[in-house]
């Protein structure tokens, strides 16, 4: 079983190495101690959301990308991603899903999934 903190650490380490950055550089940019950052990358410490945001900022990588990577790691560890396609979800036939429009203040109503 993969722990969430281990998956987060793996993702952060891969992002750091892909950018050819040292722990020392990232810890200075993120304003976190070198030892603590090392512990987070090794999955030994739980990082707060504020710390994750600071590390991602120092790496110039969106937090959403790290979380996406982590979800992939966790799904693989669980034997594959769960089927979350609309057909697999149990939704009442008369249920409406409201999705904010991407670039305006209007809402898009979608009937029947």
PDB file of N, CA and C in Angstrom:
ATOM      1  N   UNK A   1       0.850  -1.175   0.000  1.00  0.00           N
ATOM      2  CA  UNK A   1       0.000   0.000   0.000  1.00  0.00           C
ATOM      3  C   UNK A   1       0.899   1.244   0.000  1.00  0.00           C
ATOM      4  N   UNK A   2       0.659   2.142  -0.923  1.00  0.00           N
ATOM      5  CA  UNK A   2       1.400   3.390  -1.008  1.00  0.00           C
ATOM      6  C   UNK A   2       0.713   4.433  -0.137  1.00  0.00           C
ATOM      7  N   UNK A   3       1.494   5.083   0.691  1.00  0.00           N
ATOM      8  CA  UNK A   3       0.958   6.156   1.521  1.00  0.00           C
ATOM      9  C   UNK A   3       0.926   7.446   0.717  1.00  0.00           C
ATOM     10  N   UNK A   4      -0.028   8.302   1.016  1.00  0.00           N
ATOM     11  CA  UNK A   4      -0.161   9.571   0.317  1.00  0.00           C
ATOM     12  C   UNK A   4       1.118  10.391   0.435  1.00  0.00           C
ATOM     13  N   UNK A   5       1.706  10.446   1.614  1.00  0.00           N
ATOM     14  CA  UNK A   5       2.923  11.249   1.784  1.00  0.00           C
ATOM     15  C   UNK A   5       4.080  10.711   0.934  1.00  0.00           C
ATOM     16  N   UNK A   6       4.124   9.400   0.716  1.00  0.00           N
ATOM     17  CA  UNK A   6       5.164   8.822  -0.140  1.00  0.00           C
ATOM     18  C   UNK A   6       4.943   9.204  -1.602  1.00  0.00           C
ATOM     19  N   UNK A   7       3.691   9.164  -2.047  1.00  0.00           N
ATOM     20  CA  UNK A   7       3.375   9.533  -3.430  1.00  0.00           C
ATOM     21  C   UNK A   7       3.665  11.015  -3.670  1.00  0.00           C
ATOM     22  N   UNK A   8       3.352  11.855  -2.702  1.00  0.00           N
ATOM     23  CA  UNK A   8       3.645  13.282  -2.825  1.00  0.00           C
ATOM     24  C   UNK A   8       5.152  13.491  -2.898  1.00  0.00           C
ATOM     25  N   UNK A   9       5.886  12.826  -2.039  1.00  0.00           N
ATOM     26  CA  UNK A   9       7.342  12.941  -2.048  1.00  0.00           C
ATOM     27  C   UNK A   9       7.948  12.485  -3.365  1.00  0.00           C
ATOM     28  N   UNK A  10       7.459  11.372  -3.893  1.00  0.00           N
ATOM     29  CA  UNK A  10       7.949  10.872  -5.192  1.00  0.00           C
ATOM     30  C   UNK A  10       7.704  11.893  -6.299  1.00  0.00           C
ATOM     31  N   UNK A  11       6.520  12.450  -6.310  1.00  0.00           N
ATOM     32  CA  UNK A  11       6.169  13.417  -7.344  1.00  0.00           C
ATOM     33  C   UNK A  11       7.037  14.669  -7.241  1.00  0.00           C
ATOM     34  N   UNK A  12       7.232  15.166  -6.028  1.00  0.00           N
ATOM     35  CA  UNK A  12       8.061  16.358  -5.839  1.00  0.00           C
ATOM     36  C   UNK A  12       9.514  16.092  -6.239  1.00  0.00           C
ATOM     37  N   UNK A  13      10.019  14.940  -5.870  1.00  0.00           N
ATOM     38  CA  UNK A  13      11.400  14.616  -6.225  1.00  0.00           C
ATOM     39  C   UNK A  13      11.577  14.523  -7.740  1.00  0.00           C
ATOM     40  N   UNK A  14      10.632  13.859  -8.419  1.00  0.00           N
ATOM     41  CA  UNK A  14      10.722  13.766  -9.877  1.00  0.00           C
ATOM     42  C   UNK A  14      10.667  15.149 -10.515  1.00  0.00           C
ATOM     43  N   UNK A  15       9.800  16.011  -9.993  1.00  0.00           N
ATOM     44  CA  UNK A  15       9.692  17.371 -10.538  1.00  0.00           C
ATOM     45  C   UNK A  15      10.995  18.135 -10.319  1.00  0.00           C
ATOM     46  N   UNK A  16      11.591  17.989  -9.149  1.00  0.00           N
ATOM     47  CA  UNK A  16      12.850  18.678  -8.848  1.00  0.00           C
ATOM     48  C   UNK A  16      13.973  18.181  -9.750  1.00  0.00           C
ATOM     49  N   UNK A  17      14.090  16.881  -9.888  1.00  0.00           N
ATOM     50  CA  UNK A  17      15.153  16.312 -10.720  1.00  0.00           C
ATOM     51  C   UNK A  17      14.955  16.653 -12.194  1.00  0.00           C
ATOM     52  N   UNK A  18      13.720  16.696 -12.658  1.00  0.00           N
ATOM     53  CA  UNK A  18      13.442  17.042 -14.051  1.00  0.00           C
ATOM     54  C   UNK A  18      13.873  18.477 -14.362  1.00  0.00           C
ATOM     55  N   UNK A  19      13.895  19.302 -13.326  1.00  0.00           N
ATOM     56  CA  UNK A  19      14.294  20.702 -13.509  1.00  0.00           C
ATOM     57  C   UNK A  19      15.764  20.930 -13.149  1.00  0.00           C
ATOM     58  N   UNK A  20      16.473  19.833 -12.874  1.00  0.00           N
ATOM     59  CA  UNK A  20      17.900  19.882 -12.539  1.00  0.00           C
ATOM     60  C   UNK A  20      18.178  20.832 -11.379  1.00  0.00           C
ATOM     61  N   UNK A  21      17.343  20.728 -10.335  1.00  0.00           N
ATOM     62  CA  UNK A  21      17.490  21.577  -9.149  1.00  0.00           C
ATOM     63  C   UNK A  21      17.974  20.718  -7.991  1.00  0.00           C
ATOM     64  N   UNK A  22      18.750  21.304  -7.117  1.00  0.00           N
ATOM     65  CA  UNK A  22      19.212  20.593  -5.931  1.00  0.00           C
ATOM     66  C   UNK A  22      18.228  20.818  -4.792  1.00  0.00           C
ATOM     67  N   UNK A  23      18.313  19.948  -3.798  1.00  0.00           N
ATOM     68  CA  UNK A  23      17.502  20.138  -2.599  1.00  0.00           C
ATOM     69  C   UNK A  23      17.800  21.495  -1.977  1.00  0.00           C
ATOM     70  N   UNK A  24      19.057  21.866  -1.948  1.00  0.00           N
ATOM     71  CA  UNK A  24      19.461  23.140  -1.332  1.00  0.00           C
ATOM     72  C   UNK A  24      18.812  24.323  -2.053  1.00  0.00           C
ATOM     73  N   UNK A  25      18.803  24.295  -3.384  1.00  0.00           N
ATOM     74  CA  UNK A  25      18.193  25.384  -4.151  1.00  0.00           C
ATOM     75  C   UNK A  25      16.695  25.490  -3.870  1.00  0.00           C
ATOM     76  N   UNK A  26      16.022  24.363  -3.898  1.00  0.00           N
ATOM     77  CA  UNK A  26      14.574  24.361  -3.697  1.00  0.00           C
ATOM     78  C   UNK A  26      14.232  24.738  -2.261  1.00  0.00           C
ATOM     79  N   UNK A  27      14.987  24.240  -1.306  1.00  0.00           N
ATOM     80  CA  UNK A  27      14.692  24.570   0.090  1.00  0.00           C
ATOM     81  C   UNK A  27      14.865  26.064   0.336  1.00  0.00           C
ATOM     82  N   UNK A  28      15.881  26.675  -0.281  1.00  0.00           N
ATOM     83  CA  UNK A  28      16.080  28.120  -0.125  1.00  0.00           C
ATOM     84  C   UNK A  28      14.937  28.895  -0.774  1.00  0.00           C
ATOM     85  N   UNK A  29      14.537  28.488  -1.980  1.00  0.00           N
ATOM     86  CA  UNK A  29      13.455  29.175  -2.684  1.00  0.00           C
ATOM     87  C   UNK A  29      12.114  29.015  -1.971  1.00  0.00           C
ATOM     88  N   UNK A  30      11.878  27.838  -1.427  1.00  0.00           N
ATOM     89  CA  UNK A  30      10.606  27.553  -0.754  1.00  0.00           C
ATOM     90  C   UNK A  30      10.607  28.029   0.703  1.00  0.00           C
ATOM     91  N   UNK A  31      11.778  28.417   1.182  1.00  0.00           N
ATOM     92  CA  UNK A  31      11.947  28.870   2.573  1.00  0.00           C
ATOM     93  C   UNK A  31      11.558  27.779   3.572  1.00  0.00           C
ATOM     94  N   UNK A  32      12.099  26.588   3.302  1.00  0.00           N
ATOM     95  CA  UNK A  32      11.900  25.440   4.189  1.00  0.00           C
ATOM     96  C   UNK A  32      13.274  24.820   4.412  1.00  0.00           C
ATOM     97  N   UNK A  33      13.469  24.226   5.556  1.00  0.00           N
ATOM     98  CA  UNK A  33      14.791  23.668   5.832  1.00  0.00           C
ATOM     99  C   UNK A  33      15.108  22.520   4.882  1.00  0.00           C
ATOM    100  N   UNK A  34      16.387  22.402   4.593  1.00  0.00           N
ATOM    101  CA  UNK A  34      16.872  21.355   3.703  1.00  0.00           C
ATOM    102  C   UNK A  34      16.481  19.970   4.235  1.00  0.00           C
ATOM    103  N   UNK A  35      16.661  19.757   5.517  1.00  0.00           N
ATOM    104  CA  UNK A  35      16.334  18.468   6.124  1.00  0.00           C
ATOM    105  C   UNK A  35      14.863  18.135   6.027  1.00  0.00           C
ATOM    106  N   UNK A  36      14.016  19.147   6.255  1.00  0.00           N
ATOM    107  CA  UNK A  36      12.579  18.894   6.202  1.00  0.00           C
ATOM    108  C   UNK A  36      12.139  18.581   4.775  1.00  0.00           C
ATOM    109  N   UNK A  37      12.673  19.332   3.804  1.00  0.00           N
ATOM    110  CA  UNK A  37      12.341  19.054   2.407  1.00  0.00           C
ATOM    111  C   UNK A  37      12.771  17.646   2.019  1.00  0.00           C
ATOM    112  N   UNK A  38      13.942  17.243   2.483  1.00  0.00           N
ATOM    113  CA  UNK A  38      14.419  15.885   2.210  1.00  0.00           C
ATOM    114  C   UNK A  38      13.469  14.846   2.803  1.00  0.00           C
ATOM    115  N   UNK A  39      13.011  15.096   4.012  1.00  0.00           N
ATOM    116  CA  UNK A  39      12.069  14.169   4.669  1.00  0.00           C
ATOM    117  C   UNK A  39      10.743  14.097   3.904  1.00  0.00           C
ATOM    118  N   UNK A  40      10.276  15.236   3.396  1.00  0.00           N
ATOM    119  CA  UNK A  40       9.031  15.254   2.612  1.00  0.00           C
ATOM    120  C   UNK A  40       9.220  14.438   1.336  1.00  0.00           C
ATOM    121  N   UNK A  41      10.335  14.657   0.648  1.00  0.00           N
ATOM    122  CA  UNK A  41      10.585  13.911  -0.600  1.00  0.00           C
ATOM    123  C   UNK A  41      10.694  12.412  -0.361  1.00  0.00           C
ATOM    124  N   UNK A  42      11.208  12.019   0.787  1.00  0.00           N
ATOM    125  CA  UNK A  42      11.343  10.586   1.081  1.00  0.00           C
ATOM    126  C   UNK A  42      10.070   9.997   1.658  1.00  0.00           C
ATOM    127  N   UNK A  43       9.030  10.813   1.817  1.00  0.00           N
ATOM    128  CA  UNK A  43       7.752  10.321   2.322  1.00  0.00           C
ATOM    129  C   UNK A  43       7.742  10.071   3.806  1.00  0.00           C
ATOM    130  N   UNK A  44       8.655  10.689   4.524  1.00  0.00           N
ATOM    131  CA  UNK A  44       8.732  10.498   5.968  1.00  0.00           C
ATOM    132  C   UNK A  44       7.960  11.555   6.750  1.00  0.00           C
ATOM    133  N   UNK A  45       7.700  12.694   6.109  1.00  0.00           N
ATOM    134  CA  UNK A  45       6.956  13.783   6.747  1.00  0.00           C
ATOM    135  C   UNK A  45       5.755  14.159   5.900  1.00  0.00           C
ATOM    136  N   UNK A  46       4.668  14.527   6.571  1.00  0.00           N
ATOM    137  CA  UNK A  46       3.464  15.013   5.901  1.00  0.00           C
ATOM    138  C   UNK A  46       3.637  16.507   5.645  1.00  0.00           C
ATOM    139  N   UNK A  47       3.491  16.923   4.419  1.00  0.00           N
ATOM    140  CA  UNK A  47       3.609  18.341   4.076  1.00  0.00           C
ATOM    141  C   UNK A  47       2.241  19.005   4.167  1.00  0.00           C
ATOM    142  N   UNK A  48       2.193  20.187   4.767  1.00  0.00           N
ATOM    143  CA  UNK A  48       0.941  20.948   4.812  1.00  0.00           C
ATOM    144  C   UNK A  48       0.649  21.499   3.419  1.00  0.00           C
ATOM    145  N   UNK A  49      -0.569  21.954   3.222  1.00  0.00           N
ATOM    146  CA  UNK A  49      -0.922  22.532   1.925  1.00  0.00           C
ATOM    147  C   UNK A  49      -0.094  23.787   1.653  1.00  0.00           C
ATOM    148  N   UNK A  50       0.196  24.558   2.699  1.00  0.00           N
ATOM    149  CA  UNK A  50       1.022  25.752   2.526  1.00  0.00           C
ATOM    150  C   UNK A  50       2.438  25.380   2.101  1.00  0.00           C
ATOM    151  N   UNK A  51       2.984  24.340   2.702  1.00  0.00           N
ATOM    152  CA  UNK A  51       4.329  23.897   2.357  1.00  0.00           C
ATOM    153  C   UNK A  51       4.361  23.337   0.939  1.00  0.00           C
ATOM    154  N   UNK A  52       3.349  22.558   0.569  1.00  0.00           N
ATOM    155  CA  UNK A  52       3.281  22.033  -0.800  1.00  0.00           C
ATOM    156  C   UNK A  52       3.224  23.177  -1.812  1.00  0.00           C
ATOM    157  N   UNK A  53       2.440  24.191  -1.510  1.00  0.00           N
ATOM    158  CA  UNK A  53       2.344  25.339  -2.413  1.00  0.00           C
ATOM    159  C   UNK A  53       3.690  26.042  -2.529  1.00  0.00           C
ATOM    160  N   UNK A  54       4.404  26.183  -1.421  1.00  0.00           N
ATOM    161  CA  UNK A  54       5.712  26.841  -1.447  1.00  0.00           C
ATOM    162  C   UNK A  54       6.724  26.028  -2.260  1.00  0.00           C
ATOM    163  N   UNK A  55       6.721  24.718  -2.076  1.00  0.00           N
ATOM    164  CA  UNK A  55       7.648  23.853  -2.821  1.00  0.00           C
ATOM    165  C   UNK A  55       7.318  23.895  -4.305  1.00  0.00           C
ATOM    166  N   UNK A  56       6.038  23.804  -4.644  1.00  0.00           N
ATOM    167  CA  UNK A  56       5.632  23.861  -6.045  1.00  0.00           C
ATOM    168  C   UNK A  56       6.009  25.216  -6.654  1.00  0.00           C
ATOM    169  N   UNK A  57       5.849  26.281  -5.884  1.00  0.00           N
ATOM    170  CA  UNK A  57       6.252  27.595  -6.366  1.00  0.00           C
ATOM    171  C   UNK A  57       7.743  27.654  -6.628  1.00  0.00           C
ATOM    172  N   UNK A  58       8.530  27.075  -5.733  1.00  0.00           N
ATOM    173  CA  UNK A  58       9.986  27.056  -5.902  1.00  0.00           C
ATOM    174  C   UNK A  58      10.394  26.226  -7.111  1.00  0.00           C
ATOM    175  N   UNK A  59       9.609  25.201  -7.417  1.00  0.00           N
ATOM    176  CA  UNK A  59       9.901  24.343  -8.563  1.00  0.00           C
ATOM    177  C   UNK A  59       9.282  24.877  -9.856  1.00  0.00           C
ATOM    178  N   UNK A  60       8.452  25.907  -9.724  1.00  0.00           N
ATOM    179  CA  UNK A  60       7.727  26.460 -10.865  1.00  0.00           C
ATOM    180  C   UNK A  60       6.888  25.379 -11.545  1.00  0.00           C
ATOM    181  N   UNK A  61       6.189  24.627 -10.724  1.00  0.00           N
ATOM    182  CA  UNK A  61       5.290  23.581 -11.211  1.00  0.00           C
ATOM    183  C   UNK A  61       3.936  23.796 -10.519  1.00  0.00           C
ATOM    184  N   UNK A  62       2.838  23.738 -11.254  1.00  0.00           N
ATOM    185  CA  UNK A  62       1.527  23.927 -10.619  1.00  0.00           C
ATOM    186  C   UNK A  62       1.238  22.815  -9.597  1.00  0.00           C
ATOM    187  N   UNK A  63       0.665  23.208  -8.483  1.00  0.00           N
ATOM    188  CA  UNK A  63       0.269  22.225  -7.469  1.00  0.00           C
ATOM    189  C   UNK A  63      -0.689  21.209  -8.074  1.00  0.00           C
ATOM    190  N   UNK A  64      -1.554  21.654  -8.973  1.00  0.00           N
ATOM    191  CA  UNK A  64      -2.506  20.735  -9.601  1.00  0.00           C
ATOM    192  C   UNK A  64      -1.786  19.634 -10.380  1.00  0.00           C
ATOM    193  N   UNK A  65      -0.640  19.952 -10.967  1.00  0.00           N
ATOM    194  CA  UNK A  65       0.119  18.944 -11.702  1.00  0.00           C
ATOM    195  C   UNK A  65       0.679  17.898 -10.743  1.00  0.00           C
ATOM    196  N   UNK A  66       1.187  18.350  -9.607  1.00  0.00           N
ATOM    197  CA  UNK A  66       1.706  17.417  -8.601  1.00  0.00           C
ATOM    198  C   UNK A  66       0.578  16.528  -8.090  1.00  0.00           C
ATOM    199  N   UNK A  67      -0.575  17.121  -7.812  1.00  0.00           N
ATOM    200  CA  UNK A  67      -1.700  16.333  -7.302  1.00  0.00           C
ATOM    201  C   UNK A  67      -2.210  15.348  -8.354  1.00  0.00           C
ATOM    202  N   UNK A  68      -2.175  15.744  -9.617  1.00  0.00           N
ATOM    203  CA  UNK A  68      -2.558  14.830 -10.697  1.00  0.00           C
ATOM    204  C   UNK A  68      -1.601  13.638 -10.727  1.00  0.00           C
ATOM    205  N   UNK A  69      -0.311  13.939 -10.636  1.00  0.00           N
ATOM    206  CA  UNK A  69       0.709  12.896 -10.620  1.00  0.00           C
ATOM    207  C   UNK A  69       0.500  11.964  -9.430  1.00  0.00           C
ATOM    208  N   UNK A  70       0.209  12.547  -8.279  1.00  0.00           N
ATOM    209  CA  UNK A  70      -0.023  11.754  -7.068  1.00  0.00           C
ATOM    210  C   UNK A  70      -1.245  10.858  -7.240  1.00  0.00           C
ATOM    211  N   UNK A  71      -2.301  11.387  -7.851  1.00  0.00           N
ATOM    212  CA  UNK A  71      -3.494  10.548  -8.039  1.00  0.00           C
ATOM    213  C   UNK A  71      -3.196   9.374  -8.961  1.00  0.00           C
ATOM    214  N   UNK A  72      -2.336   9.588  -9.952  1.00  0.00           N
ATOM    215  CA  UNK A  72      -1.939   8.507 -10.843  1.00  0.00           C
ATOM    216  C   UNK A  72      -1.133   7.455 -10.090  1.00  0.00           C
ATOM    217  N   UNK A  73      -0.203   7.912  -9.265  1.00  0.00           N
ATOM    218  CA  UNK A  73       0.598   6.990  -8.452  1.00  0.00           C
ATOM    219  C   UNK A  73      -0.306   6.157  -7.551  1.00  0.00           C
ATOM    220  N   UNK A  74      -1.248   6.817  -6.889  1.00  0.00           N
ATOM    221  CA  UNK A  74      -2.139   6.121  -5.962  1.00  0.00           C
ATOM    222  C   UNK A  74      -3.045   5.134  -6.698  1.00  0.00           C
ATOM    223  N   UNK A  75      -3.539   5.539  -7.873  1.00  0.00           N
ATOM    224  CA  UNK A  75      -4.407   4.643  -8.651  1.00  0.00           C
ATOM    225  C   UNK A  75      -3.630   3.422  -9.105  1.00  0.00           C
ATOM    226  N   UNK A  76      -2.395   3.631  -9.547  1.00  0.00           N
ATOM    227  CA  UNK A  76      -1.560   2.504  -9.974  1.00  0.00           C
ATOM    228  C   UNK A  76      -1.287   1.565  -8.802  1.00  0.00           C
ATOM    229  N   UNK A  77      -1.059   2.137  -7.627  1.00  0.00           N
ATOM    230  CA  UNK A  77      -0.790   1.336  -6.439  1.00  0.00           C
ATOM    231  C   UNK A  77      -2.023   0.526  -6.025  1.00  0.00           C
ATOM    232  N   UNK A  78      -3.202   1.071  -6.337  1.00  0.00           N
ATOM    233  CA  UNK A  78      -4.449   0.382  -5.999  1.00  0.00           C
ATOM    234  C   UNK A  78      -4.874  -0.605  -7.075  1.00  0.00           C
ATOM    235  N   UNK A  79      -4.035  -0.788  -8.092  1.00  0.00           N
ATOM    236  CA  UNK A  79      -4.357  -1.745  -9.138  1.00  0.00           C
ATOM    237  C   UNK A  79      -5.097  -1.136 -10.298  1.00  0.00           C
ATOM    238  N   UNK A  80      -5.004   0.165 -10.479  1.00  0.00           N
ATOM    239  CA  UNK A  80      -5.649   0.832 -11.615  1.00  0.00           C
ATOM    240  C   UNK A  80      -6.656   1.839 -11.141  1.00  0.00           C
ATOM    241  N   UNK A  81      -6.924   2.775 -11.999  1.00  0.00           N
ATOM    242  CA  UNK A  81      -7.874   3.840 -11.669  1.00  0.00           C
ATOM    243  C   UNK A  81      -9.291   3.274 -11.607  1.00  0.00           C
ATOM    244  N   UNK A  82     -10.068   3.813 -10.684  1.00  0.00           N
ATOM    245  CA  UNK A  82     -11.475   3.429 -10.595  1.00  0.00           C
ATOM    246  C   UNK A  82     -12.215   4.002 -11.791  1.00  0.00           C
ATOM    247  N   UNK A  83     -13.247   3.326 -12.226  1.00  0.00           N
ATOM    248  CA  UNK A  83     -14.039   3.800 -13.350  1.00  0.00           C
ATOM    249  C   UNK A  83     -14.950   4.912 -12.866  1.00  0.00           C
ATOM    250  N   UNK A  84     -14.631   6.133 -13.263  1.00  0.00           N
ATOM    251  CA  UNK A  84     -15.454   7.278 -12.872  1.00  0.00           C
ATOM    252  C   UNK A  84     -16.130   7.900 -14.083  1.00  0.00           C
ATOM    253  N   UNK A  85     -16.275   7.125 -15.151  1.00  0.00           N
ATOM    254  CA  UNK A  85     -16.961   7.637 -16.321  1.00  0.00           C
ATOM    255  C   UNK A  85     -18.423   7.883 -15.953  1.00  0.00           C
ATOM    256  N   UNK A  86     -19.087   8.799 -16.675  1.00  0.00           N
ATOM    257  CA  UNK A  86     -20.477   9.109 -16.332  1.00  0.00           C
ATOM    258  C   UNK A  86     -21.375   7.891 -16.281  1.00  0.00           C
ATOM    259  N   UNK A  87     -21.134   6.899 -17.118  1.00  0.00           N
ATOM    260  CA  UNK A  87     -21.985   5.713 -17.133  1.00  0.00           C
ATOM    261  C   UNK A  87     -21.811   4.864 -15.871  1.00  0.00           C
ATOM    262  N   UNK A  88     -20.634   4.961 -15.223  1.00  0.00           N
ATOM    263  CA  UNK A  88     -20.397   4.138 -14.048  1.00  0.00           C
ATOM    264  C   UNK A  88     -20.939   4.765 -12.770  1.00  0.00           C
ATOM    265  N   UNK A  89     -21.271   6.050 -12.817  1.00  0.00           N
ATOM    266  CA  UNK A  89     -21.778   6.723 -11.632  1.00  0.00           C
ATOM    267  C   UNK A  89     -23.281   6.547 -11.541  1.00  0.00           C
ATOM    268  N   UNK A  90     -23.759   6.307 -10.342  1.00  0.00           N
ATOM    269  CA  UNK A  90     -25.180   6.143 -10.139  1.00  0.00           C
ATOM    270  C   UNK A  90     -25.801   7.521  -9.893  1.00  0.00           C
ATOM    271  N   UNK A  91     -26.529   8.038 -10.883  1.00  0.00           N
ATOM    272  CA  UNK A  91     -27.134   9.359 -10.789  1.00  0.00           C
ATOM    273  C   UNK A  91     -28.589   9.228 -11.182  1.00  0.00           C
ATOM    274  N   UNK A  92     -29.459   9.849 -10.390  1.00  0.00           N
ATOM    275  CA  UNK A  92     -30.874   9.808 -10.720  1.00  0.00           C
ATOM    276  C   UNK A  92     -31.104  10.439 -12.087  1.00  0.00           C
ATOM    277  N   UNK A  93     -32.071   9.911 -12.829  1.00  0.00           N
ATOM    278  CA  UNK A  93     -32.291  10.356 -14.196  1.00  0.00           C
ATOM    279  C   UNK A  93     -32.677  11.827 -14.289  1.00  0.00           C
ATOM    280  N   UNK A  94     -33.354  12.351 -13.268  1.00  0.00           N
ATOM    281  CA  UNK A  94     -33.782  13.747 -13.320  1.00  0.00           C
ATOM    282  C   UNK A  94     -32.777  14.702 -12.653  1.00  0.00           C
ATOM    283  N   UNK A  95     -31.604  14.203 -12.336  1.00  0.00           N
ATOM    284  CA  UNK A  95     -30.576  15.030 -11.701  1.00  0.00           C
ATOM    285  C   UNK A  95     -29.969  15.983 -12.712  1.00  0.00           C
ATOM    286  N   UNK A  96     -29.763  17.218 -12.300  1.00  0.00           N
ATOM    287  CA  UNK A  96     -29.094  18.200 -13.143  1.00  0.00           C
ATOM    288  C   UNK A  96     -27.706  18.454 -12.603  1.00  0.00           C
ATOM    289  N   UNK A  97     -26.764  18.580 -13.487  1.00  0.00           N
ATOM    290  CA  UNK A  97     -25.396  18.904 -13.125  1.00  0.00           C
ATOM    291  C   UNK A  97     -25.143  20.318 -13.612  1.00  0.00           C
ATOM    292  N   UNK A  98     -24.694  21.198 -12.721  1.00  0.00           N
ATOM    293  CA  UNK A  98     -24.417  22.574 -13.088  1.00  0.00           C
ATOM    294  C   UNK A  98     -22.903  22.727 -13.191  1.00  0.00           C
ATOM    295  N   UNK A  99     -22.452  23.150 -14.370  1.00  0.00           N
ATOM    296  CA  UNK A  99     -21.024  23.309 -14.630  1.00  0.00           C
ATOM    297  C   UNK A  99     -20.770  24.768 -14.972  1.00  0.00           C
ATOM    298  N   UNK A 100     -19.879  25.435 -14.235  1.00  0.00           N
ATOM    299  CA  UNK A 100     -19.594  26.831 -14.579  1.00  0.00           C
ATOM    300  C   UNK A 100     -18.989  26.917 -15.978  1.00  0.00           C
ATOM    301  N   UNK A 101     -19.433  27.908 -16.735  1.00  0.00           N
ATOM    302  CA  UNK A 101     -18.877  28.133 -18.067  1.00  0.00           C
ATOM    303  C   UNK A 101     -17.416  28.545 -17.922  1.00  0.00           C
ATOM    304  N   UNK A 102     -16.555  28.109 -18.824  1.00  0.00           N
ATOM    305  CA  UNK A 102     -15.128  28.348 -18.671  1.00  0.00           C
ATOM    306  C   UNK A 102     -14.707  29.811 -18.690  1.00  0.00           C
ATOM    307  N   UNK A 103     -15.371  30.672 -19.466  1.00  0.00           N
ATOM    308  CA  UNK A 103     -14.866  32.035 -19.571  1.00  0.00           C
ATOM    309  C   UNK A 103     -15.928  33.100 -19.359  1.00  0.00           C
ATOM    310  N   UNK A 104     -17.042  32.754 -18.762  1.00  0.00           N
ATOM    311  CA  UNK A 104     -18.062  33.765 -18.507  1.00  0.00           C
ATOM    312  C   UNK A 104     -18.728  33.466 -17.177  1.00  0.00           C
ATOM    313  N   UNK A 105     -19.631  34.355 -16.779  1.00  0.00           N
ATOM    314  CA  UNK A 105     -20.328  34.179 -15.503  1.00  0.00           C
ATOM    315  C   UNK A 105     -21.603  33.372 -15.631  1.00  0.00           C
ATOM    316  N   UNK A 106     -21.948  32.936 -16.838  1.00  0.00           N
ATOM    317  CA  UNK A 106     -23.158  32.164 -17.023  1.00  0.00           C
ATOM    318  C   UNK A 106     -22.923  30.707 -16.663  1.00  0.00           C
ATOM    319  N   UNK A 107     -23.965  29.999 -16.359  1.00  0.00           N
ATOM    320  CA  UNK A 107     -23.878  28.587 -16.035  1.00  0.00           C
ATOM    321  C   UNK A 107     -24.425  27.766 -17.190  1.00  0.00           C
ATOM    322  N   UNK A 108     -23.858  26.605 -17.366  1.00  0.00           N
ATOM    323  CA  UNK A 108     -24.314  25.683 -18.383  1.00  0.00           C
ATOM    324  C   UNK A 108     -25.027  24.550 -17.670  1.00  0.00           C
ATOM    325  N   UNK A 109     -26.270  24.303 -18.011  1.00  0.00           N
ATOM    326  CA  UNK A 109     -27.024  23.213 -17.401  1.00  0.00           C
ATOM    327  C   UNK A 109     -26.960  22.005 -18.316  1.00  0.00           C
ATOM    328  N   UNK A 110     -26.622  20.869 -17.725  1.00  0.00           N
ATOM    329  CA  UNK A 110     -26.534  19.624 -18.479  1.00  0.00           C
ATOM    330  C   UNK A 110     -27.576  18.687 -17.915  1.00  0.00           C
ATOM    331  N   UNK A 111     -28.486  18.236 -18.745  1.00  0.00           N
ATOM    332  CA  UNK A 111     -29.553  17.362 -18.281  1.00  0.00           C
ATOM    333  C   UNK A 111     -29.278  15.934 -18.702  1.00  0.00           C
ATOM    334  N   UNK A 112     -29.487  15.042 -17.759  1.00  0.00           N
ATOM    335  CA  UNK A 112     -29.380  13.625 -18.031  1.00  0.00           C
ATOM    336  C   UNK A 112     -27.990  13.155 -18.394  1.00  0.00           C
ATOM    337  N   UNK A 113     -27.427  12.401 -17.531  1.00  0.00           N
ATOM    338  CA  UNK A 113     -26.093  11.855 -17.777  1.00  0.00           C
ATOM    339  C   UNK A 113     -26.232  10.432 -18.241  1.00  0.00           C
TER     340      UNK A 113
END
